[in-house]
Each structure stands twice: as structure tokens, then as C-alpha cells.
């Protein structure tokens, strides 16, 4: 439950940051255009940014789930000090 809430929280924060960034980029790109082209460039920029945001929102949770599963299934190897202590105890 907590992991899911954290994943959605990360997505929301990323969306907020990307929204502000996209607005600046679209505005800078459209600033030198004629008024007719500027309106079209801003509209296309907003649509493309929204579509990409939706795509990345769908990819990110799946990636996070695979990463969590990999971490759970991977056994942490013992350190050198631990293996030396185990071998010493087994001998004595």
C-alpha cells in the first residue's frame, strides 16, 4: 500500500515539474512565430506533451514493480568478514 502511494506520489510530482518545464519550452519555441503559427505550435506542443506524459505514467509503475520484484528475488551475498567468521566457527 505504501509503495503504491509512493509510486503515485512520484508520478504526480514528476507531472508537476514537467508541466512547468513544458510550458517554458513551448513558449520559447513559439515566441518567434507568427500569431497563426504560434497558436498551432502551442496547441500541438500541449497535445504532444500530454500524450507523452500519459505514456510515461503507464511505463513508470511497471518499471518500478519489476525493480521491486528483482530486489526481492535477489539474495544479498555475504561479505568477506561474514564468510570468514562462519568458516572459523565451523572449524573450532
PDB file of N, CA and C in Angstrom:
ATOM      1  N   UNK A   1       0.831  -1.190   0.000  1.00  0.00           N
ATOM      2  CA  UNK A   1       0.000   0.000   0.000  1.00  0.00           C
ATOM      3  C   UNK A   1       0.876   1.254   0.000  1.00  0.00           C
ATOM      4  N   UNK A   2       1.862   1.264   0.889  1.00  0.00           N
ATOM      5  CA  UNK A   2       2.747   2.429   0.978  1.00  0.00           C
ATOM      6  C   UNK A   2       3.561   2.595  -0.300  1.00  0.00           C
ATOM      7  N   UNK A   3       4.026   1.462  -0.861  1.00  0.00           N
ATOM      8  CA  UNK A   3       4.802   1.517  -2.102  1.00  0.00           C
ATOM      9  C   UNK A   3       3.972   2.084  -3.245  1.00  0.00           C
ATOM     10  N   UNK A   4       2.712   1.694  -3.299  1.00  0.00           N
ATOM     11  CA  UNK A   4       1.831   2.198  -4.347  1.00  0.00           C
ATOM     12  C   UNK A   4       1.610   3.694  -4.183  1.00  0.00           C
ATOM     13  N   UNK A   5       1.380   4.135  -2.962  1.00  0.00           N
ATOM     14  CA  UNK A   5       1.189   5.565  -2.720  1.00  0.00           C
ATOM     15  C   UNK A   5       2.446   6.348  -3.072  1.00  0.00           C
ATOM     16  N   UNK A   6       3.611   5.800  -2.737  1.00  0.00           N
ATOM     17  CA  UNK A   6       4.869   6.472  -3.090  1.00  0.00           C
ATOM     18  C   UNK A   6       5.048   6.550  -4.607  1.00  0.00           C
ATOM     19  N   UNK A   7       4.701   5.493  -5.307  1.00  0.00           N
ATOM     20  CA  UNK A   7       4.833   5.477  -6.767  1.00  0.00           C
ATOM     21  C   UNK A   7       3.933   6.536  -7.397  1.00  0.00           C
ATOM     22  N   UNK A   8       2.689   6.607  -6.946  1.00  0.00           N
ATOM     23  CA  UNK A   8       1.778   7.617  -7.480  1.00  0.00           C
ATOM     24  C   UNK A   8       2.222   9.026  -7.087  1.00  0.00           C
ATOM     25  N   UNK A   9       2.743   9.186  -5.891  1.00  0.00           N
ATOM     26  CA  UNK A   9       3.253  10.494  -5.471  1.00  0.00           C
ATOM     27  C   UNK A   9       4.413  10.947  -6.341  1.00  0.00           C
ATOM     28  N   UNK A  10       5.306  10.024  -6.675  1.00  0.00           N
ATOM     29  CA  UNK A  10       6.426  10.357  -7.554  1.00  0.00           C
ATOM     30  C   UNK A  10       5.937  10.767  -8.933  1.00  0.00           C
ATOM     31  N   UNK A  11       4.923  10.092  -9.429  1.00  0.00           N
ATOM     32  CA  UNK A  11       4.373  10.426 -10.740  1.00  0.00           C
ATOM     33  C   UNK A  11       3.740  11.807 -10.719  1.00  0.00           C
ATOM     34  N   UNK A  12       3.005  12.118  -9.675  1.00  0.00           N
ATOM     35  CA  UNK A  12       2.354  13.421  -9.582  1.00  0.00           C
ATOM     36  C   UNK A  12       3.397  14.533  -9.514  1.00  0.00           C
ATOM     37  N   UNK A  13       4.433  14.350  -8.724  1.00  0.00           N
ATOM     38  CA  UNK A  13       5.494  15.362  -8.620  1.00  0.00           C
ATOM     39  C   UNK A  13       6.194  15.529  -9.963  1.00  0.00           C
ATOM     40  N   UNK A  14       6.490  14.417 -10.630  1.00  0.00           N
ATOM     41  CA  UNK A  14       7.130  14.496 -11.944  1.00  0.00           C
ATOM     42  C   UNK A  14       6.230  15.214 -12.938  1.00  0.00           C
ATOM     43  N   UNK A  15       4.929  14.941 -12.884  1.00  0.00           N
ATOM     44  CA  UNK A  15       3.993  15.631 -13.778  1.00  0.00           C
ATOM     45  C   UNK A  15       3.987  17.133 -13.535  1.00  0.00           C
ATOM     46  N   UNK A  16       3.997  17.538 -12.288  1.00  0.00           N
ATOM     47  CA  UNK A  16       4.004  18.969 -11.982  1.00  0.00           C
ATOM     48  C   UNK A  16       5.269  19.654 -12.493  1.00  0.00           C
ATOM     49  N   UNK A  17       6.396  19.003 -12.292  1.00  0.00           N
ATOM     50  CA  UNK A  17       7.668  19.567 -12.753  1.00  0.00           C
ATOM     51  C   UNK A  17       7.700  19.631 -14.275  1.00  0.00           C
ATOM     52  N   UNK A  18       7.282  18.541 -14.924  1.00  0.00           N
ATOM     53  CA  UNK A  18       7.302  18.504 -16.381  1.00  0.00           C
ATOM     54  C   UNK A  18       6.308  19.485 -16.996  1.00  0.00           C
ATOM     55  N   UNK A  19       5.181  19.720 -16.329  1.00  0.00           N
ATOM     56  CA  UNK A  19       4.208  20.674 -16.851  1.00  0.00           C
ATOM     57  C   UNK A  19       4.802  22.076 -16.928  1.00  0.00           C
ATOM     58  N   UNK A  20       5.465  22.494 -15.875  1.00  0.00           N
ATOM     59  CA  UNK A  20       6.098  23.815 -15.876  1.00  0.00           C
ATOM     60  C   UNK A  20       7.218  23.892 -16.895  1.00  0.00           C
ATOM     61  N   UNK A  21       7.994  22.847 -16.989  1.00  0.00           N
ATOM     62  CA  UNK A  21       9.089  22.799 -17.945  1.00  0.00           C
ATOM     63  C   UNK A  21       8.555  22.835 -19.377  1.00  0.00           C
ATOM     64  N   UNK A  22       7.505  22.061 -19.639  1.00  0.00           N
ATOM     65  CA  UNK A  22       6.915  22.041 -20.972  1.00  0.00           C
ATOM     66  C   UNK A  22       6.358  23.406 -21.360  1.00  0.00           C
ATOM     67  N   UNK A  23       5.729  24.096 -20.436  1.00  0.00           N
ATOM     68  CA  UNK A  23       5.170  25.416 -20.738  1.00  0.00           C
ATOM     69  C   UNK A  23       6.273  26.387 -21.147  1.00  0.00           C
ATOM     70  N   UNK A  24       7.395  26.343 -20.444  1.00  0.00           N
ATOM     71  CA  UNK A  24       8.511  27.231 -20.800  1.00  0.00           C
ATOM     72  C   UNK A  24       9.081  26.895 -22.177  1.00  0.00           C
ATOM     73  N   UNK A  25       9.281  25.640 -22.441  1.00  0.00           N
ATOM     74  CA  UNK A  25       9.860  25.213 -23.721  1.00  0.00           C
ATOM     75  C   UNK A  25       8.918  25.553 -24.869  1.00  0.00           C
ATOM     76  N   UNK A  26       7.640  25.241 -24.711  1.00  0.00           N
ATOM     77  CA  UNK A  26       6.675  25.535 -25.772  1.00  0.00           C
ATOM     78  C   UNK A  26       6.599  27.041 -26.005  1.00  0.00           C
ATOM     79  N   UNK A  27       6.595  27.809 -24.928  1.00  0.00           N
ATOM     80  CA  UNK A  27       6.548  29.267 -25.062  1.00  0.00           C
ATOM     81  C   UNK A  27       7.773  29.817 -25.769  1.00  0.00           C
ATOM     82  N   UNK A  28       8.959  29.313 -25.414  1.00  0.00           N
ATOM     83  CA  UNK A  28      10.179  29.786 -26.076  1.00  0.00           C
ATOM     84  C   UNK A  28      10.191  29.387 -27.550  1.00  0.00           C
ATOM     85  N   UNK A  29       9.723  28.174 -27.846  1.00  0.00           N
ATOM     86  CA  UNK A  29       9.716  27.717 -29.240  1.00  0.00           C
ATOM     87  C   UNK A  29       8.713  28.503 -30.082  1.00  0.00           C
ATOM     88  N   UNK A  30       7.609  28.888 -29.503  1.00  0.00           N
ATOM     89  CA  UNK A  30       6.561  29.572 -30.256  1.00  0.00           C
ATOM     90  C   UNK A  30       6.724  31.092 -30.264  1.00  0.00           C
ATOM     91  N   UNK A  31       7.638  31.620 -29.487  1.00  0.00           N
ATOM     92  CA  UNK A  31       7.751  33.082 -29.350  1.00  0.00           C
ATOM     93  C   UNK A  31       8.069  33.788 -30.670  1.00  0.00           C
ATOM     94  N   UNK A  32       8.887  33.190 -31.512  1.00  0.00           N
ATOM     95  CA  UNK A  32       9.286  33.847 -32.748  1.00  0.00           C
ATOM     96  C   UNK A  32       8.362  33.589 -33.922  1.00  0.00           C
ATOM     97  N   UNK A  33       7.272  32.886 -33.726  1.00  0.00           N
ATOM     98  CA  UNK A  33       6.370  32.537 -34.816  1.00  0.00           C
ATOM     99  C   UNK A  33       5.305  33.602 -35.008  1.00  0.00           C
ATOM    100  N   UNK A  34       4.703  33.586 -36.187  1.00  0.00           N
ATOM    101  CA  UNK A  34       3.576  34.496 -36.437  1.00  0.00           C
ATOM    102  C   UNK A  34       2.404  34.078 -35.554  1.00  0.00           C
ATOM    103  N   UNK A  35       1.450  34.972 -35.300  1.00  0.00           N
ATOM    104  CA  UNK A  35       0.336  34.638 -34.385  1.00  0.00           C
ATOM    105  C   UNK A  35      -0.440  33.380 -34.782  1.00  0.00           C
ATOM    106  N   UNK A  36      -0.649  33.166 -36.098  1.00  0.00           N
ATOM    107  CA  UNK A  36      -1.397  31.971 -36.510  1.00  0.00           C
ATOM    108  C   UNK A  36      -0.591  30.702 -36.216  1.00  0.00           C
ATOM    109  N   UNK A  37       0.692  30.723 -36.573  1.00  0.00           N
ATOM    110  CA  UNK A  37       1.539  29.559 -36.314  1.00  0.00           C
ATOM    111  C   UNK A  37       1.788  29.370 -34.817  1.00  0.00           C
ATOM    112  N   UNK A  38       1.853  30.453 -34.066  1.00  0.00           N
ATOM    113  CA  UNK A  38       2.089  30.366 -32.621  1.00  0.00           C
ATOM    114  C   UNK A  38       0.964  29.594 -31.939  1.00  0.00           C
ATOM    115  N   UNK A  39      -0.284  29.922 -32.310  1.00  0.00           N
ATOM    116  CA  UNK A  39      -1.417  29.217 -31.698  1.00  0.00           C
ATOM    117  C   UNK A  39      -1.370  27.724 -32.022  1.00  0.00           C
ATOM    118  N   UNK A  40      -1.043  27.403 -33.266  1.00  0.00           N
ATOM    119  CA  UNK A  40      -0.962  25.999 -33.664  1.00  0.00           C
ATOM    120  C   UNK A  40       0.198  25.291 -32.956  1.00  0.00           C
ATOM    121  N   UNK A  41       1.337  25.962 -32.850  1.00  0.00           N
ATOM    122  CA  UNK A  41       2.506  25.360 -32.185  1.00  0.00           C
ATOM    123  C   UNK A  41       2.223  25.109 -30.708  1.00  0.00           C
ATOM    124  N   UNK A  42       1.566  26.037 -30.047  1.00  0.00           N
ATOM    125  CA  UNK A  42       1.229  25.857 -28.628  1.00  0.00           C
ATOM    126  C   UNK A  42       0.246  24.702 -28.461  1.00  0.00           C
ATOM    127  N   UNK A  43      -0.762  24.622 -29.340  1.00  0.00           N
ATOM    128  CA  UNK A  43      -1.739  23.534 -29.262  1.00  0.00           C
ATOM    129  C   UNK A  43      -1.061  22.182 -29.485  1.00  0.00           C
ATOM    130  N   UNK A  44      -0.265  22.071 -30.537  1.00  0.00           N
ATOM    131  CA  UNK A  44       0.435  20.811 -30.807  1.00  0.00           C
ATOM    132  C   UNK A  44       1.393  20.453 -29.678  1.00  0.00           C
ATOM    133  N   UNK A  45       2.086  21.438 -29.160  1.00  0.00           N
ATOM    134  CA  UNK A  45       3.016  21.189 -28.055  1.00  0.00           C
ATOM    135  C   UNK A  45       2.307  20.655 -26.819  1.00  0.00           C
ATOM    136  N   UNK A  46       1.152  21.245 -26.504  1.00  0.00           N
ATOM    137  CA  UNK A  46       0.393  20.781 -25.336  1.00  0.00           C
ATOM    138  C   UNK A  46      -0.130  19.363 -25.540  1.00  0.00           C
ATOM    139  N   UNK A  47      -0.624  19.075 -26.743  1.00  0.00           N
ATOM    140  CA  UNK A  47      -1.163  17.733 -27.023  1.00  0.00           C
ATOM    141  C   UNK A  47      -0.053  16.690 -26.959  1.00  0.00           C
ATOM    142  N   UNK A  48       1.071  16.971 -27.600  1.00  0.00           N
ATOM    143  CA  UNK A  48       2.187  16.016 -27.586  1.00  0.00           C
ATOM    144  C   UNK A  48       2.705  15.816 -26.168  1.00  0.00           C
ATOM    145  N   UNK A  49       2.828  16.890 -25.387  1.00  0.00           N
ATOM    146  CA  UNK A  49       3.304  16.769 -24.005  1.00  0.00           C
ATOM    147  C   UNK A  49       2.343  15.922 -23.169  1.00  0.00           C
ATOM    148  N   UNK A  50       1.029  16.126 -23.359  1.00  0.00           N
ATOM    149  CA  UNK A  50       0.043  15.339 -22.603  1.00  0.00           C
ATOM    150  C   UNK A  50       0.111  13.866 -22.977  1.00  0.00           C
ATOM    151  N   UNK A  51       0.236  13.564 -24.274  1.00  0.00           N
ATOM    152  CA  UNK A  51       0.313  12.170 -24.718  1.00  0.00           C
ATOM    153  C   UNK A  51       1.572  11.505 -24.156  1.00  0.00           C
ATOM    154  N   UNK A  52       2.702  12.195 -24.249  1.00  0.00           N
ATOM    155  CA  UNK A  52       3.942  11.623 -23.716  1.00  0.00           C
ATOM    156  C   UNK A  52       3.862  11.415 -22.210  1.00  0.00           C
ATOM    157  N   UNK A  53       3.228  12.339 -21.498  1.00  0.00           N
ATOM    158  CA  UNK A  53       3.087  12.200 -20.056  1.00  0.00           C
ATOM    159  C   UNK A  53       2.260  10.964 -19.709  1.00  0.00           C
ATOM    160  N   UNK A  54       1.193  10.724 -20.463  1.00  0.00           N
ATOM    161  CA  UNK A  54       0.359   9.545 -20.220  1.00  0.00           C
ATOM    162  C   UNK A  54       1.153   8.271 -20.491  1.00  0.00           C
ATOM    163  N   UNK A  55       1.904   8.260 -21.587  1.00  0.00           N
ATOM    164  CA  UNK A  55       2.715   7.087 -21.922  1.00  0.00           C
ATOM    165  C   UNK A  55       3.737   6.806 -20.823  1.00  0.00           C
ATOM    166  N   UNK A  56       4.443   7.847 -20.377  1.00  0.00           N
ATOM    167  CA  UNK A  56       5.463   7.655 -19.350  1.00  0.00           C
ATOM    168  C   UNK A  56       4.846   7.283 -18.011  1.00  0.00           C
ATOM    169  N   UNK A  57       3.642   7.777 -17.726  1.00  0.00           N
ATOM    170  CA  UNK A  57       2.966   7.387 -16.481  1.00  0.00           C
ATOM    171  C   UNK A  57       2.635   5.904 -16.486  1.00  0.00           C
ATOM    172  N   UNK A  58       2.320   5.364 -17.645  1.00  0.00           N
ATOM    173  CA  UNK A  58       1.998   3.935 -17.754  1.00  0.00           C
ATOM    174  C   UNK A  58       3.260   3.079 -17.683  1.00  0.00           C
ATOM    175  N   UNK A  59       4.358   3.577 -18.186  1.00  0.00           N
ATOM    176  CA  UNK A  59       5.613   2.817 -18.184  1.00  0.00           C
ATOM    177  C   UNK A  59       6.233   2.795 -16.799  1.00  0.00           C
ATOM    178  N   UNK A  60       6.233   3.898 -16.083  1.00  0.00           N
ATOM    179  CA  UNK A  60       6.943   4.032 -14.810  1.00  0.00           C
ATOM    180  C   UNK A  60       6.479   3.034 -13.743  1.00  0.00           C
ATOM    181  N   UNK A  61       5.191   2.889 -13.441  1.00  0.00           N
ATOM    182  CA  UNK A  61       4.814   1.910 -12.402  1.00  0.00           C
ATOM    183  C   UNK A  61       5.207   0.486 -12.765  1.00  0.00           C
ATOM    184  N   UNK A  62       5.121   0.144 -14.046  1.00  0.00           N
ATOM    185  CA  UNK A  62       5.521  -1.206 -14.447  1.00  0.00           C
ATOM    186  C   UNK A  62       7.016  -1.405 -14.207  1.00  0.00           C
ATOM    187  N   UNK A  63       7.802  -0.400 -14.505  1.00  0.00           N
ATOM    188  CA  UNK A  63       9.248  -0.478 -14.275  1.00  0.00           C
ATOM    189  C   UNK A  63       9.544  -0.594 -12.785  1.00  0.00           C
ATOM    190  N   UNK A  64       8.855   0.195 -11.976  1.00  0.00           N
ATOM    191  CA  UNK A  64       9.090   0.139 -10.533  1.00  0.00           C
ATOM    192  C   UNK A  64       8.715  -1.226  -9.970  1.00  0.00           C
ATOM    193  N   UNK A  65       7.642  -1.835 -10.470  1.00  0.00           N
ATOM    194  CA  UNK A  65       7.238  -3.152  -9.984  1.00  0.00           C
ATOM    195  C   UNK A  65       8.279  -4.199 -10.345  1.00  0.00           C
ATOM    196  N   UNK A  66       8.810  -4.144 -11.567  1.00  0.00           N
ATOM    197  CA  UNK A  66       9.847  -5.096 -11.967  1.00  0.00           C
ATOM    198  C   UNK A  66      11.086  -4.926 -11.098  1.00  0.00           C
ATOM    199  N   UNK A  67      11.451  -3.685 -10.794  1.00  0.00           N
ATOM    200  CA  UNK A  67      12.620  -3.431  -9.954  1.00  0.00           C
ATOM    201  C   UNK A  67      12.403  -3.986  -8.553  1.00  0.00           C
ATOM    202  N   UNK A  68      11.222  -3.779  -7.977  1.00  0.00           N
ATOM    203  CA  UNK A  68      10.918  -4.317  -6.643  1.00  0.00           C
ATOM    204  C   UNK A  68      10.969  -5.835  -6.655  1.00  0.00           C
ATOM    205  N   UNK A  69      10.411  -6.459  -7.688  1.00  0.00           N
ATOM    206  CA  UNK A  69      10.430  -7.921  -7.771  1.00  0.00           C
ATOM    207  C   UNK A  69      11.852  -8.445  -7.874  1.00  0.00           C
ATOM    208  N   UNK A  70      12.691  -7.764  -8.654  1.00  0.00           N
ATOM    209  CA  UNK A  70      14.080  -8.190  -8.799  1.00  0.00           C
ATOM    210  C   UNK A  70      14.804  -8.097  -7.467  1.00  0.00           C
ATOM    211  N   UNK A  71      14.553  -7.036  -6.717  1.00  0.00           N
ATOM    212  CA  UNK A  71      15.226  -6.870  -5.418  1.00  0.00           C
ATOM    213  C   UNK A  71      14.791  -7.944  -4.440  1.00  0.00           C
ATOM    214  N   UNK A  72      13.534  -8.322  -4.461  1.00  0.00           N
ATOM    215  CA  UNK A  72      13.043  -9.353  -3.544  1.00  0.00           C
ATOM    216  C   UNK A  72      13.621 -10.719  -3.881  1.00  0.00           C
ATOM    217  N   UNK A  73      13.819 -10.983  -5.163  1.00  0.00           N
ATOM    218  CA  UNK A  73      14.292 -12.294  -5.596  1.00  0.00           C
ATOM    219  C   UNK A  73      15.807 -12.428  -5.572  1.00  0.00           C
ATOM    220  N   UNK A  74      16.514 -11.334  -5.380  1.00  0.00           N
ATOM    221  CA  UNK A  74      17.974 -11.381  -5.371  1.00  0.00           C
ATOM    222  C   UNK A  74      18.458 -11.548  -3.942  1.00  0.00           C
ATOM    223  N   UNK A  75      19.272 -12.568  -3.719  1.00  0.00           N
ATOM    224  CA  UNK A  75      19.829 -12.799  -2.395  1.00  0.00           C
ATOM    225  C   UNK A  75      21.092 -11.966  -2.246  1.00  0.00           C
ATOM    226  N   UNK A  76      21.241 -11.304  -1.129  1.00  0.00           N
ATOM    227  CA  UNK A  76      22.429 -10.488  -0.893  1.00  0.00           C
ATOM    228  C   UNK A  76      23.572 -11.408  -0.508  1.00  0.00           C
ATOM    229  N   UNK A  77      24.683 -11.382  -1.261  1.00  0.00           N
ATOM    230  CA  UNK A  77      25.805 -12.271  -0.937  1.00  0.00           C
ATOM    231  C   UNK A  77      26.476 -11.843   0.366  1.00  0.00           C
ATOM    232  N   UNK A  78      27.011 -12.796   1.125  1.00  0.00           N
ATOM    233  CA  UNK A  78      27.676 -12.431   2.385  1.00  0.00           C
ATOM    234  C   UNK A  78      28.965 -11.670   2.101  1.00  0.00           C
ATOM    235  N   UNK A  79      29.323 -10.814   3.032  1.00  0.00           N
ATOM    236  CA  UNK A  79      30.575 -10.078   2.893  1.00  0.00           C
ATOM    237  C   UNK A  79      31.740 -10.989   3.255  1.00  0.00           C
ATOM    238  N   UNK A  80      32.929 -10.565   2.962  1.00  0.00           N
ATOM    239  CA  UNK A  80      34.116 -11.370   3.246  1.00  0.00           C
ATOM    240  C   UNK A  80      34.252 -11.635   4.746  1.00  0.00           C
ATOM    241  N   UNK A  81      33.979 -10.603   5.561  1.00  0.00           N
ATOM    242  CA  UNK A  81      34.126 -10.757   7.013  1.00  0.00           C
ATOM    243  C   UNK A  81      33.151 -11.798   7.548  1.00  0.00           C
ATOM    244  N   UNK A  82      31.938 -11.802   7.040  1.00  0.00           N
ATOM    245  CA  UNK A  82      30.943 -12.763   7.498  1.00  0.00           C
ATOM    246  C   UNK A  82      31.344 -14.177   7.126  1.00  0.00           C
ATOM    247  N   UNK A  83      31.803 -14.372   5.887  1.00  0.00           N
ATOM    248  CA  UNK A  83      32.166 -15.725   5.472  1.00  0.00           C
ATOM    249  C   UNK A  83      33.383 -16.222   6.249  1.00  0.00           C
ATOM    250  N   UNK A  84      34.323 -15.342   6.607  1.00  0.00           N
ATOM    251  CA  UNK A  84      35.491 -15.741   7.376  1.00  0.00           C
ATOM    252  C   UNK A  84      35.067 -16.175   8.775  1.00  0.00           C
ATOM    253  N   UNK A  85      34.145 -15.413   9.399  1.00  0.00           N
ATOM    254  CA  UNK A  85      33.673 -15.764  10.740  1.00  0.00           C
ATOM    255  C   UNK A  85      32.958 -17.113  10.701  1.00  0.00           C
ATOM    256  N   UNK A  86      32.182 -17.376   9.690  1.00  0.00           N
ATOM    257  CA  UNK A  86      31.463 -18.639   9.581  1.00  0.00           C
ATOM    258  C   UNK A  86      32.439 -19.787   9.435  1.00  0.00           C
ATOM    259  N   UNK A  87      33.471 -19.614   8.640  1.00  0.00           N
ATOM    260  CA  UNK A  87      34.440 -20.670   8.446  1.00  0.00           C
ATOM    261  C   UNK A  87      35.221 -20.925   9.732  1.00  0.00           C
ATOM    262  N   UNK A  88      35.559 -19.874  10.484  1.00  0.00           N
ATOM    263  CA  UNK A  88      36.284 -20.030  11.728  1.00  0.00           C
ATOM    264  C   UNK A  88      35.446 -20.793  12.735  1.00  0.00           C
ATOM    265  N   UNK A  89      34.163 -20.469  12.838  1.00  0.00           N
ATOM    266  CA  UNK A  89      33.293 -21.153  13.801  1.00  0.00           C
ATOM    267  C   UNK A  89      33.114 -22.625  13.435  1.00  0.00           C
ATOM    268  N   UNK A  90      33.059 -22.893  12.146  1.00  0.00           N
ATOM    269  CA  UNK A  90      32.859 -24.276  11.731  1.00  0.00           C
ATOM    270  C   UNK A  90      34.071 -25.139  12.058  1.00  0.00           C
ATOM    271  N   UNK A  91      35.257 -24.565  12.026  1.00  0.00           N
ATOM    272  CA  UNK A  91      36.493 -25.319  12.290  1.00  0.00           C
ATOM    273  C   UNK A  91      36.624 -25.623  13.766  1.00  0.00           C
ATOM    274  N   UNK A  92      36.308 -24.657  14.637  1.00  0.00           N
ATOM    275  CA  UNK A  92      36.527 -24.844  16.078  1.00  0.00           C
ATOM    276  C   UNK A  92      35.443 -25.596  16.748  1.00  0.00           C
TER     277      UNK A  92
END
